[in-house]
Amino acid sequence: MAFGIGNMVQANSVAASLQASFNVTPAVTGVVLAALTAVVIVGGIKRIGQCTEYLVPFMALFYLGGGQWKTRTV
């Protein structure tokens, strides 16, 4: 069910943010995101595991840091 909407919304948000902040065209953002996704998926389950093993700690730090920053600015 989420095949058509799940990740497309996130890629659109990334493209819009990069265009607003750094004037990067959405086409370039789309090609780069598609290439990175293809490299991970073609590598199979081991590559997906390696990628998430690297990304999840940073995601947790950004989440906690964002929560701390938000509570201090309010």
Protein backbone atom coordinates (compact mmCIF):
# COMPACT_ATOMS: atom_id res chain seq x y z
CA MET A 1 0.00 0.00 0.00
CA ALA A 2 2.84 2.43 0.77
CA PHE A 3 4.68 1.64 -2.47
CA GLY A 4 3.36 4.68 -4.28
CA ILE A 5 3.36 7.16 -1.42
CA GLY A 6 5.66 6.02 1.36
CA ASN A 7 9.10 7.14 0.17
CA MET A 8 8.05 9.52 -2.57
CA VAL A 9 6.81 12.07 -0.04
CA GLN A 10 10.13 12.01 1.80
CA ALA A 11 12.18 12.41 -1.38
CA ASN A 12 9.98 15.34 -2.37
CA SER A 13 10.57 16.96 1.03
CA VAL A 14 14.34 16.53 0.69
CA ALA A 15 14.27 18.01 -2.82
CA ALA A 16 12.16 20.98 -1.71
CA SER A 17 14.41 21.67 1.28
CA LEU A 18 17.60 21.51 -0.79
CA GLN A 19 16.10 23.76 -3.42
CA ALA A 20 14.96 26.35 -0.86
CA SER A 21 18.21 26.28 1.13
CA PHE A 22 20.94 25.70 -1.44
CA ASN A 23 19.19 26.24 -4.80
CA VAL A 24 19.80 22.62 -5.86
CA THR A 25 17.40 21.56 -8.61
CA PRO A 26 14.97 18.77 -7.67
CA ALA A 27 16.12 16.70 -10.67
CA VAL A 28 19.68 16.55 -9.35
CA THR A 29 18.43 15.64 -5.88
CA GLY A 30 16.24 12.91 -7.35
CA VAL A 31 19.07 11.38 -9.37
CA VAL A 32 21.43 11.37 -6.37
CA LEU A 33 18.81 9.85 -4.04
CA ALA A 34 17.90 7.22 -6.64
CA ALA A 35 21.55 6.28 -7.15
CA LEU A 36 22.22 5.96 -3.42
CA THR A 37 19.08 3.89 -2.96
CA ALA A 38 20.00 1.62 -5.86
CA VAL A 39 23.49 1.00 -4.45
CA VAL A 40 22.01 -0.06 -1.12
CA ILE A 41 19.20 -2.20 -2.53
CA VAL A 42 21.33 -3.95 -5.18
CA GLY A 43 23.76 -4.96 -2.43
CA GLY A 44 21.07 -7.11 -0.86
CA ILE A 45 20.12 -7.61 2.75
CA LYS A 46 23.73 -7.47 3.95
CA ARG A 47 24.25 -4.03 2.43
CA ILE A 48 20.96 -2.80 3.86
CA GLY A 49 22.07 -4.03 7.28
CA GLN A 50 25.45 -2.34 6.97
CA CYS A 51 23.86 0.91 5.92
CA THR A 52 21.35 0.95 8.77
CA GLU A 53 24.06 -0.07 11.24
CA TYR A 54 25.90 3.10 10.28
CA LEU A 55 22.89 5.46 10.03
CA VAL A 56 20.79 4.57 13.08
CA PRO A 57 23.18 5.96 15.74
CA PHE A 58 23.31 9.29 13.89
CA MET A 59 19.54 9.31 13.55
CA ALA A 60 19.21 8.82 17.31
CA LEU A 61 21.68 11.64 18.02
CA PHE A 62 19.89 14.03 15.66
CA TYR A 63 16.55 13.12 17.24
CA LEU A 64 17.78 13.70 20.79
CA GLY A 65 19.69 16.85 19.82
CA GLY A 66 16.66 18.25 18.04
CA GLY A 67 14.53 17.63 21.10
CA GLN A 68 17.03 19.39 23.33
CA TRP A 69 17.33 22.34 20.95
CA LYS A 70 13.55 22.68 20.65
CA THR A 71 12.99 22.72 24.41
CA ARG A 72 15.65 25.40 24.92
CA THR A 73 14.31 27.75 22.27
CA VAL A 74 10.70 27.69 23.46
